[in-house]
C-alpha atoms as a PDB file:
ATOM      1  CA  UNK A   1      25.618 -73.415 134.086  1.00  0.00           C
ATOM      2  CA  UNK A   2      28.845 -72.032 132.548  1.00  0.00           C
ATOM      3  CA  UNK A   3      29.774 -73.319 129.040  1.00  0.00           C
ATOM      4  CA  UNK A   4      32.418 -76.027 129.377  1.00  0.00           C
ATOM      5  CA  UNK A   5      35.445 -75.883 127.117  1.00  0.00           C
ATOM      6  CA  UNK A   6      35.221 -77.772 123.764  1.00  0.00           C
ATOM      7  CA  UNK A   7      35.753 -81.509 123.950  1.00  0.00           C
ATOM      8  CA  UNK A   8      38.394 -82.485 121.288  1.00  0.00           C
ATOM      9  CA  UNK A   9      39.128 -85.811 119.557  1.00  0.00           C
ATOM     10  CA  UNK A  10      35.563 -87.117 119.735  1.00  0.00           C
ATOM     11  CA  UNK A  11      35.356 -90.104 117.303  1.00  0.00           C
ATOM     12  CA  UNK A  12      32.427 -90.391 114.896  1.00  0.00           C
ATOM     13  CA  UNK A  13      31.177 -93.394 116.888  1.00  0.00           C
ATOM     14  CA  UNK A  14      31.238 -91.396 120.161  1.00  0.00           C
ATOM     15  CA  UNK A  15      29.719 -88.220 118.621  1.00  0.00           C
ATOM     16  CA  UNK A  16      26.023 -89.080 118.927  1.00  0.00           C
ATOM     17  CA  UNK A  17      26.390 -90.153 122.483  1.00  0.00           C
ATOM     18  CA  UNK A  18      28.241 -87.026 123.433  1.00  0.00           C
ATOM     19  CA  UNK A  19      25.611 -84.849 121.658  1.00  0.00           C
ATOM     20  CA  UNK A  20      22.674 -86.580 123.318  1.00  0.00           C
ATOM     21  CA  UNK A  21      24.312 -86.322 126.723  1.00  0.00           C
ATOM     22  CA  UNK A  22      24.774 -82.634 126.313  1.00  0.00           C
ATOM     23  CA  UNK A  23      21.121 -82.166 125.221  1.00  0.00           C
ATOM     24  CA  UNK A  24      19.889 -84.299 128.089  1.00  0.00           C
ATOM     25  CA  UNK A  25      21.944 -82.032 130.447  1.00  0.00           C
ATOM     26  CA  UNK A  26      20.056 -78.954 129.121  1.00  0.00           C
ATOM     27  CA  UNK A  27      22.409 -77.629 126.431  1.00  0.00           C
ATOM     28  CA  UNK A  28      20.570 -75.108 124.257  1.00  0.00           C
ATOM     29  CA  UNK A  29      23.001 -75.856 121.318  1.00  0.00           C
ATOM     30  CA  UNK A  30      25.771 -78.289 120.542  1.00  0.00           C
ATOM     31  CA  UNK A  31      28.258 -77.186 117.959  1.00  0.00           C
ATOM     32  CA  UNK A  32      30.516 -79.779 116.234  1.00  0.00           C
ATOM     33  CA  UNK A  33      33.580 -79.005 114.161  1.00  0.00           C
ATOM     34  CA  UNK A  34      35.336 -81.758 112.232  1.00  0.00           C
ATOM     35  CA  UNK A  35      39.097 -81.919 112.849  1.00  0.00           C
ATOM     36  CA  UNK A  36      41.711 -82.725 110.081  1.00  0.00           C
ATOM     37  CA  UNK A  37      42.030 -86.274 111.459  1.00  0.00           C
ATOM     38  CA  UNK A  38      38.354 -87.055 110.969  1.00  0.00           C
ATOM     39  CA  UNK A  39      37.479 -86.655 114.660  1.00  0.00           C
ATOM     40  CA  UNK A  40      35.292 -83.893 116.079  1.00  0.00           C
ATOM     41  CA  UNK A  41      35.436 -81.103 118.634  1.00  0.00           C
ATOM     42  CA  UNK A  42      32.293 -80.669 120.479  1.00  0.00           C
ATOM     43  CA  UNK A  43      31.233 -77.392 122.181  1.00  0.00           C
ATOM     44  CA  UNK A  44      28.064 -77.411 124.366  1.00  0.00           C
ATOM     45  CA  UNK A  45      26.195 -74.080 124.865  1.00  0.00           C
ATOM     46  CA  UNK A  46      24.198 -73.870 128.135  1.00  0.00           C
ATOM     47  CA  UNK A  47      23.636 -70.147 128.393  1.00  0.00           C
ATOM     48  CA  UNK A  48      19.975 -69.405 128.099  1.00  0.00           C
ATOM     49  CA  UNK A  49      20.731 -65.958 126.624  1.00  0.00           C
ATOM     50  CA  UNK A  50      22.748 -67.395 123.627  1.00  0.00           C
ATOM     51  CA  UNK A  51      21.121 -65.956 120.462  1.00  0.00           C
ATOM     52  CA  UNK A  52      19.890 -68.344 117.869  1.00  0.00           C
ATOM     53  CA  UNK A  53      21.959 -68.646 114.674  1.00  0.00           C
ATOM     54  CA  UNK A  54      20.985 -66.024 112.165  1.00  0.00           C
ATOM     55  CA  UNK A  55      19.207 -68.626 110.008  1.00  0.00           C
ATOM     56  CA  UNK A  56      15.744 -68.201 108.466  1.00  0.00           C
ATOM     57  CA  UNK A  57      13.450 -71.164 108.779  1.00  0.00           C
ATOM     58  CA  UNK A  58      11.609 -71.876 105.428  1.00  0.00           C
ATOM     59  CA  UNK A  59       8.672 -73.369 107.156  1.00  0.00           C
ATOM     60  CA  UNK A  60       6.399 -72.162 110.190  1.00  0.00           C
ATOM     61  CA  UNK A  61       7.093 -74.540 112.972  1.00  0.00           C
ATOM     62  CA  UNK A  62       4.186 -75.579 114.966  1.00  0.00           C
ATOM     63  CA  UNK A  63       3.871 -74.318 118.610  1.00  0.00           C
ATOM     64  CA  UNK A  64       5.101 -77.615 120.089  1.00  0.00           C
ATOM     65  CA  UNK A  65       8.190 -77.804 118.004  1.00  0.00           C
ATOM     66  CA  UNK A  66       9.525 -74.162 118.403  1.00  0.00           C
ATOM     67  CA  UNK A  67      11.799 -75.106 121.359  1.00  0.00           C
ATOM     68  CA  UNK A  68      12.715 -78.513 119.959  1.00  0.00           C
ATOM     69  CA  UNK A  69      13.431 -78.166 116.295  1.00  0.00           C
ATOM     70  CA  UNK A  70      14.775 -74.552 116.036  1.00  0.00           C
ATOM     71  CA  UNK A  71      18.229 -73.485 114.937  1.00  0.00           C
ATOM     72  CA  UNK A  72      19.024 -73.221 118.766  1.00  0.00           C
ATOM     73  CA  UNK A  73      18.554 -76.949 118.888  1.00  0.00           C
ATOM     74  CA  UNK A  74      21.001 -77.547 116.070  1.00  0.00           C
ATOM     75  CA  UNK A  75      18.566 -78.219 113.152  1.00  0.00           C
ATOM     76  CA  UNK A  76      20.521 -77.147 110.117  1.00  0.00           C
ATOM     77  CA  UNK A  77      17.760 -74.893 108.625  1.00  0.00           C
ATOM     78  CA  UNK A  78      20.287 -73.035 106.540  1.00  0.00           C
ATOM     79  CA  UNK A  79      20.531 -76.151 104.439  1.00  0.00           C
ATOM     80  CA  UNK A  80      16.799 -76.569 103.823  1.00  0.00           C
ATOM     81  CA  UNK A  81      14.746 -75.580 100.883  1.00  0.00           C
ATOM     82  CA  UNK A  82      10.924 -75.474 100.611  1.00  0.00           C
ATOM     83  CA  UNK A  83       9.245 -77.867  98.168  1.00  0.00           C
ATOM     84  CA  UNK A  84       5.738 -76.542  97.365  1.00  0.00           C
ATOM     85  CA  UNK A  85       5.365 -79.182  94.612  1.00  0.00           C
ATOM     86  CA  UNK A  86       4.425 -81.633  97.402  1.00  0.00           C
ATOM     87  CA  UNK A  87       1.475 -79.591  98.436  1.00  0.00           C
ATOM     88  CA  UNK A  88      -0.797 -81.689  96.220  1.00  0.00           C
ATOM     89  CA  UNK A  89      -0.610 -84.651  98.491  1.00  0.00           C
ATOM     90  CA  UNK A  90      -3.882 -85.219 100.363  1.00  0.00           C
ATOM     91  CA  UNK A  91      -3.164 -85.065 104.160  1.00  0.00           C
ATOM     92  CA  UNK A  92      -0.133 -82.736 104.145  1.00  0.00           C
ATOM     93  CA  UNK A  93      -0.159 -79.387 105.936  1.00  0.00           C
ATOM     94  CA  UNK A  94       0.531 -77.072 102.985  1.00  0.00           C
ATOM     95  CA  UNK A  95       3.900 -75.474 102.713  1.00  0.00           C
ATOM     96  CA  UNK A  96       5.646 -77.594 105.174  1.00  0.00           C
ATOM     97  CA  UNK A  97       7.612 -79.860 102.889  1.00  0.00           C
ATOM     98  CA  UNK A  98      11.277 -79.109 102.632  1.00  0.00           C
ATOM     99  CA  UNK A  99      14.449 -80.995 101.973  1.00  0.00           C
ATOM    100  CA  UNK A 100      17.850 -80.644 103.782  1.00  0.00           C
ATOM    101  CA  UNK A 101      20.737 -80.954 101.464  1.00  0.00           C
ATOM    102  CA  UNK A 102      24.514 -81.248 101.979  1.00  0.00           C
ATOM    103  CA  UNK A 103      24.342 -83.201 105.320  1.00  0.00           C
ATOM    104  CA  UNK A 104      27.853 -84.211 106.575  1.00  0.00           C
ATOM    105  CA  UNK A 105      29.203 -87.207 108.547  1.00  0.00           C
ATOM    106  CA  UNK A 106      25.757 -88.891 108.724  1.00  0.00           C
ATOM    107  CA  UNK A 107      25.446 -92.636 109.315  1.00  0.00           C
ATOM    108  CA  UNK A 108      25.392 -94.609 106.137  1.00  0.00           C
ATOM    109  CA  UNK A 109      26.496 -91.737 103.960  1.00  0.00           C
ATOM    110  CA  UNK A 110      23.061 -89.946 104.216  1.00  0.00           C
ATOM    111  CA  UNK A 111      23.343 -86.505 102.647  1.00  0.00           C
ATOM    112  CA  UNK A 112      19.724 -85.270 102.710  1.00  0.00           C
ATOM    113  CA  UNK A 113      16.461 -85.459 104.709  1.00  0.00           C
ATOM    114  CA  UNK A 114      12.841 -84.617 104.087  1.00  0.00           C
ATOM    115  CA  UNK A 115      10.755 -82.588 106.617  1.00  0.00           C
ATOM    116  CA  UNK A 116       6.951 -82.433 106.472  1.00  0.00           C
ATOM    117  CA  UNK A 117       3.779 -82.133 108.565  1.00  0.00           C
ATOM    118  CA  UNK A 118       0.738 -84.240 107.906  1.00  0.00           C
ATOM    119  CA  UNK A 119      -2.121 -86.223 109.416  1.00  0.00           C
ATOM    120  CA  UNK A 120      -1.405 -89.676 110.869  1.00  0.00           C
ATOM    121  CA  UNK A 121      -4.190 -92.154 110.320  1.00  0.00           C
ATOM    122  CA  UNK A 122      -4.120 -95.493 111.922  1.00  0.00           C
ATOM    123  CA  UNK A 123      -2.603 -98.355 109.873  1.00  0.00           C
ATOM    124  CA  UNK A 124      -2.929-101.833 111.598  1.00  0.00           C
ATOM    125  CA  UNK A 125      -1.667-103.892 108.681  1.00  0.00           C
ATOM    126  CA  UNK A 126       0.795-106.684 109.387  1.00  0.00           C
ATOM    127  CA  UNK A 127       1.155-110.088 110.959  1.00  0.00           C
ATOM    128  CA  UNK A 128      -0.999-109.415 114.102  1.00  0.00           C
ATOM    129  CA  UNK A 129      -4.788-108.985 113.546  1.00  0.00           C
ATOM    130  CA  UNK A 130      -6.152-105.974 115.246  1.00  0.00           C
ATOM    131  CA  UNK A 131      -8.315-106.425 118.409  1.00  0.00           C
ATOM    132  CA  UNK A 132     -10.976-104.227 116.872  1.00  0.00           C
ATOM    133  CA  UNK A 133     -12.978-104.514 113.751  1.00  0.00           C
ATOM    134  CA  UNK A 134     -11.289-103.388 110.630  1.00  0.00           C
ATOM    135  CA  UNK A 135     -12.510-104.559 107.228  1.00  0.00           C
ATOM    136  CA  UNK A 136      -9.515-103.056 105.502  1.00  0.00           C
ATOM    137  CA  UNK A 137      -6.914-104.906 107.539  1.00  0.00           C
ATOM    138  CA  UNK A 138      -4.276-106.693 105.542  1.00  0.00           C
ATOM    139  CA  UNK A 139      -2.001-109.326 106.939  1.00  0.00           C
ATOM    140  CA  UNK A 140       0.944-108.164 104.947  1.00  0.00           C
ATOM    141  CA  UNK A 141       3.099-105.054 104.694  1.00  0.00           C
ATOM    142  CA  UNK A 142       5.294-103.710 101.812  1.00  0.00           C
ATOM    143  CA  UNK A 143       8.424-104.091 103.943  1.00  0.00           C
ATOM    144  CA  UNK A 144       9.339-107.337 105.712  1.00  0.00           C
ATOM    145  CA  UNK A 145      11.742-108.170 108.498  1.00  0.00           C
ATOM    146  CA  UNK A 146      13.388-111.434 109.544  1.00  0.00           C
ATOM    147  CA  UNK A 147      10.060-112.817 110.652  1.00  0.00           C
ATOM    148  CA  UNK A 148       7.959-111.718 107.748  1.00  0.00           C
ATOM    149  CA  UNK A 149       5.438-108.901 107.530  1.00  0.00           C
ATOM    150  CA  UNK A 150       5.912-106.196 110.048  1.00  0.00           C
ATOM    151  CA  UNK A 151       3.662-105.990 113.127  1.00  0.00           C
ATOM    152  CA  UNK A 152       1.631-102.754 113.590  1.00  0.00           C
ATOM    153  CA  UNK A 153       1.601-103.356 117.324  1.00  0.00           C
ATOM    154  CA  UNK A 154       5.318-103.883 117.690  1.00  0.00           C
ATOM    155  CA  UNK A 155       6.988-101.916 114.839  1.00  0.00           C
ATOM    156  CA  UNK A 156       6.705 -98.169 114.632  1.00  0.00           C
ATOM    157  CA  UNK A 157       6.419 -97.704 110.796  1.00  0.00           C
ATOM    158  CA  UNK A 158       5.179 -94.937 108.538  1.00  0.00           C
ATOM    159  CA  UNK A 159       3.525 -95.281 105.119  1.00  0.00           C
ATOM    160  CA  UNK A 160       4.879 -93.969 101.885  1.00  0.00           C
ATOM    161  CA  UNK A 161       2.633 -92.991  98.942  1.00  0.00           C
ATOM    162  CA  UNK A 162       3.140 -95.263  95.868  1.00  0.00           C
ATOM    163  CA  UNK A 163       5.320 -94.050  93.154  1.00  0.00           C
ATOM    164  CA  UNK A 164       3.711 -93.349  89.760  1.00  0.00           C
ATOM    165  CA  UNK A 165       5.534 -96.477  88.389  1.00  0.00           C
ATOM    166  CA  UNK A 166       3.778 -98.606  91.118  1.00  0.00           C
ATOM    167  CA  UNK A 167       0.153 -97.525  90.442  1.00  0.00           C
ATOM    168  CA  UNK A 168      -2.311 -96.849  87.693  1.00  0.00           C
ATOM    169  CA  UNK A 169      -3.657 -93.864  89.688  1.00  0.00           C
ATOM    170  CA  UNK A 170      -2.672 -90.691  87.912  1.00  0.00           C
ATOM    171  CA  UNK A 171      -0.531 -88.374  90.055  1.00  0.00           C
ATOM    172  CA  UNK A 172      -0.905 -85.501  87.669  1.00  0.00           C
ATOM    173  CA  UNK A 173       2.732 -84.325  88.172  1.00  0.00           C
ATOM    174  CA  UNK A 174       3.019 -84.887  91.843  1.00  0.00           C
ATOM    175  CA  UNK A 175       6.718 -85.814  92.570  1.00  0.00           C
ATOM    176  CA  UNK A 176       7.430 -89.428  93.781  1.00  0.00           C
ATOM    177  CA  UNK A 177       8.844 -89.967  97.232  1.00  0.00           C
ATOM    178  CA  UNK A 178      10.955 -92.773  95.925  1.00  0.00           C
ATOM    179  CA  UNK A 179      11.991 -91.960  92.266  1.00  0.00           C
ATOM    180  CA  UNK A 180      12.207 -88.234  92.725  1.00  0.00           C
ATOM    181  CA  UNK A 181      13.215 -87.774  96.388  1.00  0.00           C
ATOM    182  CA  UNK A 182      14.954 -91.069  97.069  1.00  0.00           C
ATOM    183  CA  UNK A 183      12.967 -91.823 100.203  1.00  0.00           C
ATOM    184  CA  UNK A 184      12.186 -95.615 100.158  1.00  0.00           C
ATOM    185  CA  UNK A 185      10.981 -98.451 102.146  1.00  0.00           C
ATOM    186  CA  UNK A 186      13.451 -99.350 104.984  1.00  0.00           C
ATOM    187  CA  UNK A 187      14.515 -95.654 105.493  1.00  0.00           C
ATOM    188  CA  UNK A 188      14.497 -94.256 108.942  1.00  0.00           C
ATOM    189  CA  UNK A 189      12.710 -91.226 110.321  1.00  0.00           C
ATOM    190  CA  UNK A 190      11.736 -89.360 113.418  1.00  0.00           C
ATOM    191  CA  UNK A 191       8.275 -87.975 114.176  1.00  0.00           C
ATOM    192  CA  UNK A 192       7.176 -85.305 116.730  1.00  0.00           C
ATOM    193  CA  UNK A 193       3.676 -84.576 118.082  1.00  0.00           C
ATOM    194  CA  UNK A 194       2.121 -83.077 121.186  1.00  0.00           C
ATOM    195  CA  UNK A 195      -1.486 -84.126 121.803  1.00  0.00           C
ATOM    196  CA  UNK A 196      -2.025 -81.728 124.722  1.00  0.00           C
ATOM    197  CA  UNK A 197      -2.051 -77.896 124.673  1.00  0.00           C
ATOM    198  CA  UNK A 198       1.244 -77.548 126.519  1.00  0.00           C
ATOM    199  CA  UNK A 199       4.285 -79.452 127.625  1.00  0.00           C
ATOM    200  CA  UNK A 200       7.141 -81.178 125.716  1.00  0.00           C
ATOM    201  CA  UNK A 201       6.241 -83.060 122.538  1.00  0.00           C
ATOM    202  CA  UNK A 202       6.762 -86.814 122.259  1.00  0.00           C
ATOM    203  CA  UNK A 203       9.152 -88.358 119.829  1.00  0.00           C
ATOM    204  CA  UNK A 204       9.039 -91.594 117.848  1.00  0.00           C
ATOM    205  CA  UNK A 205      11.758 -93.117 115.719  1.00  0.00           C
ATOM    206  CA  UNK A 206      10.220 -95.121 112.833  1.00  0.00           C
ATOM    207  CA  UNK A 207      10.910 -97.048 109.719  1.00  0.00           C
ATOM    208  CA  UNK A 208       9.122 -96.558 106.428  1.00  0.00           C
ATOM    209  CA  UNK A 209       7.448 -99.924 106.306  1.00  0.00           C
ATOM    210  CA  UNK A 210       4.326 -99.830 104.014  1.00  0.00           C
ATOM    211  CA  UNK A 211       2.998 -98.340 100.882  1.00  0.00           C
ATOM    212  CA  UNK A 212      -0.325 -96.553 100.475  1.00  0.00           C
ATOM    213  CA  UNK A 213      -2.509 -94.633  98.078  1.00  0.00           C
ATOM    214  CA  UNK A 214      -0.397 -92.678  95.474  1.00  0.00           C
ATOM    215  CA  UNK A 215      -1.748 -89.231  96.319  1.00  0.00           C
ATOM    216  CA  UNK A 216      -2.326 -89.585 100.018  1.00  0.00           C
ATOM    217  CA  UNK A 217       0.159 -88.842 102.831  1.00  0.00           C
ATOM    218  CA  UNK A 218      -0.051 -89.583 106.563  1.00  0.00           C
ATOM    219  CA  UNK A 219      -0.413 -93.042 107.931  1.00  0.00           C
ATOM    220  CA  UNK A 220       1.434 -94.781 110.649  1.00  0.00           C
ATOM    221  CA  UNK A 221       1.233 -98.061 112.614  1.00  0.00           C
ATOM    222  CA  UNK A 222      -0.474 -98.560 115.984  1.00  0.00           C
ATOM    223  CA  UNK A 223       2.903 -98.551 117.635  1.00  0.00           C
ATOM    224  CA  UNK A 224       3.894 -95.277 116.083  1.00  0.00           C
ATOM    225  CA  UNK A 225       0.686 -93.610 117.116  1.00  0.00           C
ATOM    226  CA  UNK A 226       0.861 -94.934 120.589  1.00  0.00           C
ATOM    227  CA  UNK A 227       4.435 -93.722 120.965  1.00  0.00           C
ATOM    228  CA  UNK A 228       3.305 -90.228 119.940  1.00  0.00           C
ATOM    229  CA  UNK A 229       0.455 -90.265 122.550  1.00  0.00           C
ATOM    230  CA  UNK A 230      -2.465 -90.344 120.146  1.00  0.00           C
ATOM    231  CA  UNK A 231      -5.627 -91.280 122.154  1.00  0.00           C
ATOM    232  CA  UNK A 232      -7.386 -94.467 121.156  1.00  0.00           C
ATOM    233  CA  UNK A 233      -4.572 -95.694 118.852  1.00  0.00           C
ATOM    234  CA  UNK A 234      -5.078 -99.221 120.090  1.00  0.00           C
ATOM    235  CA  UNK A 235      -8.643 -99.047 119.009  1.00  0.00           C
ATOM    236  CA  UNK A 236      -8.022 -97.749 115.513  1.00  0.00           C
ATOM    237  CA  UNK A 237      -8.153 -94.005 116.229  1.00  0.00           C
ATOM    238  CA  UNK A 238      -5.717 -91.521 114.592  1.00  0.00           C
ATOM    239  CA  UNK A 239      -5.089 -87.827 113.646  1.00  0.00           C
ATOM    240  CA  UNK A 240      -7.223 -87.265 110.524  1.00  0.00           C
ATOM    241  CA  UNK A 241      -7.141 -84.596 107.850  1.00  0.00           C
ATOM    242  CA  UNK A 242     -10.107 -82.709 109.455  1.00  0.00           C
ATOM    243  CA  UNK A 243      -8.231 -82.679 112.832  1.00  0.00           C
ATOM    244  CA  UNK A 244      -5.047 -81.046 111.419  1.00  0.00           C
ATOM    245  CA  UNK A 245      -7.221 -78.541 109.449  1.00  0.00           C
ATOM    246  CA  UNK A 246      -8.918 -77.557 112.677  1.00  0.00           C
ATOM    247  CA  UNK A 247      -5.685 -77.338 114.700  1.00  0.00           C
ATOM    248  CA  UNK A 248      -3.588 -75.720 112.021  1.00  0.00           C
ATOM    249  CA  UNK A 249      -0.735 -78.202 112.542  1.00  0.00           C
ATOM    250  CA  UNK A 250       0.060 -81.744 111.950  1.00  0.00           C
ATOM    251  CA  UNK A 251       2.556 -84.423 112.994  1.00  0.00           C
ATOM    252  CA  UNK A 252       6.188 -83.621 112.057  1.00  0.00           C
ATOM    253  CA  UNK A 253       8.061 -86.141 110.137  1.00  0.00           C
ATOM    254  CA  UNK A 254      11.815 -86.092 109.313  1.00  0.00           C
ATOM    255  CA  UNK A 255      12.799 -88.874 106.914  1.00  0.00           C
ATOM    256  CA  UNK A 256      16.499 -89.525 106.445  1.00  0.00           C
ATOM    257  CA  UNK A 257      16.976 -90.270 102.690  1.00  0.00           C
ATOM    258  CA  UNK A 258      18.666 -93.542 101.898  1.00  0.00           C
ATOM    259  CA  UNK A 259      19.374 -94.339 105.636  1.00  0.00           C
ATOM    260  CA  UNK A 260      18.004 -97.848 105.433  1.00  0.00           C
ATOM    261  CA  UNK A 261      19.502 -98.972 102.040  1.00  0.00           C
ATOM    262  CA  UNK A 262      22.388-100.858 103.583  1.00  0.00           C
ATOM    263  CA  UNK A 263      20.004-102.911 105.812  1.00  0.00           C
ATOM    264  CA  UNK A 264      17.901-104.206 102.888  1.00  0.00           C
ATOM    265  CA  UNK A 265      18.861-107.795 101.906  1.00  0.00           C
ATOM    266  CA  UNK A 266      20.033-107.681  98.282  1.00  0.00           C
ATOM    267  CA  UNK A 267      17.527-109.332  95.917  1.00  0.00           C
ATOM    268  CA  UNK A 268      14.773-109.698  98.566  1.00  0.00           C
ATOM    269  CA  UNK A 269      11.222-109.378  97.194  1.00  0.00           C
ATOM    270  CA  UNK A 270       9.325-107.920  98.898  1.00  0.00           C
ATOM    271  CA  UNK A 271      12.261-105.977 100.420  1.00  0.00           C
ATOM    272  CA  UNK A 272      13.444-107.289 103.743  1.00  0.00           C
ATOM    273  CA  UNK A 273      15.248-105.193 106.325  1.00  0.00           C
ATOM    274  CA  UNK A 274      17.663-106.696 108.888  1.00  0.00           C
ATOM    275  CA  UNK A 275      16.594-104.034 111.426  1.00  0.00           C
ATOM    276  CA  UNK A 276      14.252-105.045 114.193  1.00  0.00           C
ATOM    277  CA  UNK A 277      12.226-102.644 116.359  1.00  0.00           C
ATOM    278  CA  UNK A 278      15.205-101.929 118.638  1.00  0.00           C
ATOM    279  CA  UNK A 279      17.492-101.494 115.749  1.00  0.00           C
ATOM    280  CA  UNK A 280      15.294 -98.926 114.178  1.00  0.00           C
ATOM    281  CA  UNK A 281      15.419 -96.924 117.406  1.00  0.00           C
ATOM    282  CA  UNK A 282      19.152 -97.217 117.785  1.00  0.00           C
ATOM    283  CA  UNK A 283      19.804 -96.084 114.213  1.00  0.00           C
ATOM    284  CA  UNK A 284      17.182 -93.281 114.505  1.00  0.00           C
ATOM    285  CA  UNK A 285      18.934 -91.963 117.662  1.00  0.00           C
ATOM    286  CA  UNK A 286      22.301 -91.831 115.736  1.00  0.00           C
ATOM    287  CA  UNK A 287      20.829 -90.148 112.626  1.00  0.00           C
ATOM    288  CA  UNK A 288      19.125 -87.444 114.660  1.00  0.00           C
ATOM    289  CA  UNK A 289      22.130 -86.835 116.753  1.00  0.00           C
ATOM    290  CA  UNK A 290      24.303 -86.245 113.724  1.00  0.00           C
ATOM    291  CA  UNK A 291      21.520 -84.223 111.992  1.00  0.00           C
ATOM    292  CA  UNK A 292      21.393 -81.709 114.920  1.00  0.00           C
ATOM    293  CA  UNK A 293      25.131 -81.507 115.219  1.00  0.00           C
ATOM    294  CA  UNK A 294      26.201 -80.636 111.576  1.00  0.00           C
ATOM    295  CA  UNK A 295      29.813 -79.335 111.414  1.00  0.00           C
ATOM    296  CA  UNK A 296      29.958 -75.527 111.597  1.00  0.00           C
ATOM    297  CA  UNK A 297      32.180 -73.766 109.135  1.00  0.00           C
END
């Protein structure tokens, strides 16, 4: 397919829709340039021979993500820095944690995002009891919605490690996700995983909806695991640390720092988000579309 001429005068509200449409049509890259009036010019690249931008990737992408999250697909790796201090978290794939800085035009004023690979254990906490035995089930979650505790079978949520201020467990200098990074309950992310040996990976937009042990990373709700195609998720199964060690890869998470702050009801305790499951998906789509279409200088 020949490359179409740039589309001028795309408003910020229209931008994620235009970018997603181009990607769905098979574009290998979508370049956005902000105009002086605040609108955007959008250029889709369809030529399969288009070279990738000369950008080094600070992490080794797993095989299933190389044609999904590379510079060709608009991920702004030139704005990412590796954060080896997060290697101490149990469940993380070492040397995969990095932070994107200086993001522009993102919904809610988001300017940074965290990328990491980790295990994904099954978390069935929430208002619906699991249909399988689980002595560790809790009927509450750290984040609430309009109904109350989240529902692990309806809401795709990921678990954040407790900050040092929230636990007596010593973290021995491990940086906090909240206090140090700014990633908090209610923020939105997108996860990628491919269970099979080939084919396209599955994608899940999620909310950070629960807190877990201070030095452990990598839990998600039943709904999150099911969306990512994890076998046996509805029976309590997940992707454990031994699994990712054997495979040499984990589940990719991209968390958009501060993306959920404006949806938290002021003064609510526990924090309550106004987003429901569909709202999380809608906001996640917008965030990822802007993330992969950062203005080119």
